Amino acid sequence: MSKRSSDIRLRHMLDHAREAIVLAENKTRKDLDRDRLLELALVRLLEIVGEAASRVPQEECVKYPEIPWAQIVGLRNRLIHGYDAVDLTSSGRLSHRIYHHSLRPWR
């Protein structure tokens, strides 16, 4: 994979994590229970972050050890394969961590 392709994947991670944080801002679990579109949008955004992370080559990942790569991809896998047991409250916390603590330098 070219450096450009890796940069695109990293940009996708940043953009979609940022969007998830904006959507989830000041929302409670009750809000998610009442707003199906919000819930679906957040799940989709986090799936994209995880899918993009899974496509970043290992040689690029090691350059950014502060990014919780395994957690990000693991969340994507839980959202896709364990859809019936997903806790969006903890997923939202991970999204916030991904953006504010890991992806922020790429802004």
Protein backbone atom coordinates (compact mmCIF):
# COMPACT_ATOMS: atom_id res chain seq x y z
CA MET A 1 0.00 0.00 0.00
CA SER A 2 1.32 3.43 -0.87
CA LYS A 3 1.97 6.15 1.68
CA ARG A 4 -0.85 8.11 0.04
CA SER A 5 -3.29 5.23 0.62
CA SER A 6 -2.26 5.06 4.27
CA ASP A 7 -2.75 8.80 4.60
CA ILE A 8 -6.24 8.46 3.14
CA ARG A 9 -7.11 5.71 5.64
CA LEU A 10 -5.80 7.82 8.52
CA ARG A 11 -7.84 10.78 7.24
CA HIS A 12 -10.96 8.59 7.12
CA MET A 13 -10.32 7.54 10.71
CA LEU A 14 -9.95 11.15 11.82
CA ASP A 15 -12.94 12.50 9.92
CA HIS A 16 -15.35 9.77 10.99
CA ALA A 17 -14.21 9.77 14.63
CA ARG A 18 -14.65 13.54 14.69
CA GLU A 19 -18.14 13.24 13.23
CA ALA A 20 -19.10 10.55 15.77
CA ILE A 21 -17.96 12.79 18.62
CA VAL A 22 -19.98 15.72 17.32
CA LEU A 23 -23.09 13.52 16.99
CA ALA A 24 -22.64 12.01 20.46
CA GLU A 25 -21.87 15.29 22.21
CA ASN A 26 -24.17 15.86 25.19
CA LYS A 27 -26.16 12.72 24.38
CA THR A 28 -27.15 10.19 26.99
CA ARG A 29 -27.92 6.51 26.72
CA LYS A 30 -31.58 7.50 26.87
CA ASP A 31 -31.12 9.75 23.83
CA LEU A 32 -29.65 6.82 21.92
CA ASP A 33 -32.55 4.59 22.96
CA ARG A 34 -35.04 7.16 21.67
CA ASP A 35 -33.26 8.18 18.47
CA ARG A 36 -32.74 5.21 16.18
CA LEU A 37 -31.17 7.33 13.44
CA LEU A 38 -28.59 8.70 15.88
CA GLU A 39 -27.76 5.19 17.05
CA LEU A 40 -27.41 3.89 13.49
CA ALA A 41 -25.29 6.87 12.45
CA LEU A 42 -22.90 6.44 15.38
CA VAL A 43 -22.54 2.73 14.77
CA ARG A 44 -21.80 3.30 11.09
CA LEU A 45 -19.23 6.01 11.79
CA LEU A 46 -17.42 3.79 14.28
CA GLU A 47 -17.51 0.88 11.84
CA ILE A 48 -15.81 3.07 9.25
CA VAL A 49 -13.13 4.16 11.73
CA GLY A 50 -12.43 0.52 12.51
CA GLU A 51 -12.45 -0.62 8.91
CA ALA A 52 -10.05 2.15 7.91
CA ALA A 53 -7.79 1.23 10.84
CA SER A 54 -7.76 -2.40 9.76
CA ARG A 55 -6.48 -1.36 6.33
CA VAL A 56 -3.52 0.67 7.59
CA PRO A 57 -0.38 -1.45 7.09
CA GLN A 58 1.48 -2.59 10.19
CA GLU A 59 4.58 -0.60 9.18
CA GLU A 60 2.46 2.56 9.35
CA CYS A 61 0.72 1.57 12.60
CA VAL A 62 4.03 1.27 14.45
CA LYS A 63 4.72 4.92 13.64
CA TYR A 64 1.71 5.88 15.80
CA PRO A 65 1.92 3.76 18.98
CA GLU A 66 -0.42 6.16 20.78
CA ILE A 67 -3.32 4.99 18.62
CA PRO A 68 -5.13 1.99 20.16
CA TRP A 69 -5.18 0.06 16.86
CA ALA A 70 -6.34 -3.27 18.28
CA GLN A 71 -9.14 -1.62 20.26
CA ILE A 72 -10.34 0.33 17.24
CA VAL A 73 -10.42 -2.74 15.00
CA GLY A 74 -11.90 -4.81 17.84
CA LEU A 75 -14.72 -2.31 18.25
CA ARG A 76 -15.44 -2.52 14.53
CA ASN A 77 -15.58 -6.30 14.78
CA ARG A 78 -17.93 -6.16 17.77
CA LEU A 79 -20.21 -3.71 15.96
CA ILE A 80 -20.33 -5.90 12.85
CA HIS A 81 -20.36 -9.40 14.34
CA GLY A 82 -21.68 -8.84 17.86
CA TYR A 83 -24.29 -6.27 16.92
CA ASP A 84 -26.77 -7.65 19.46
CA ALA A 85 -24.42 -7.12 22.42
CA VAL A 86 -23.02 -3.64 21.72
CA ASP A 87 -22.85 -1.07 24.51
CA LEU A 88 -22.91 2.26 22.69
CA THR A 89 -22.05 4.15 25.85
CA SER A 90 -18.63 2.51 26.03
CA SER A 91 -18.29 2.75 22.24
CA GLY A 92 -18.85 6.48 22.52
CA ARG A 93 -16.14 6.76 25.15
CA LEU A 94 -13.74 4.90 22.87
CA SER A 95 -14.65 7.20 19.96
CA HIS A 96 -13.91 10.21 22.14
CA ARG A 97 -10.55 8.69 23.16
CA ILE A 98 -9.69 7.81 19.57
CA TYR A 99 -10.23 11.38 18.45
CA HIS A 100 -9.03 13.48 21.37
CA HIS A 101 -6.05 11.41 22.45
CA SER A 102 -4.94 9.58 19.35
CA LEU A 103 -6.00 11.24 16.12
CA ARG A 104 -5.84 14.88 17.17
CA PRO A 105 -2.26 15.43 15.88
CA TRP A 106 -3.49 14.85 12.29
CA ARG A 107 -5.98 17.73 12.33
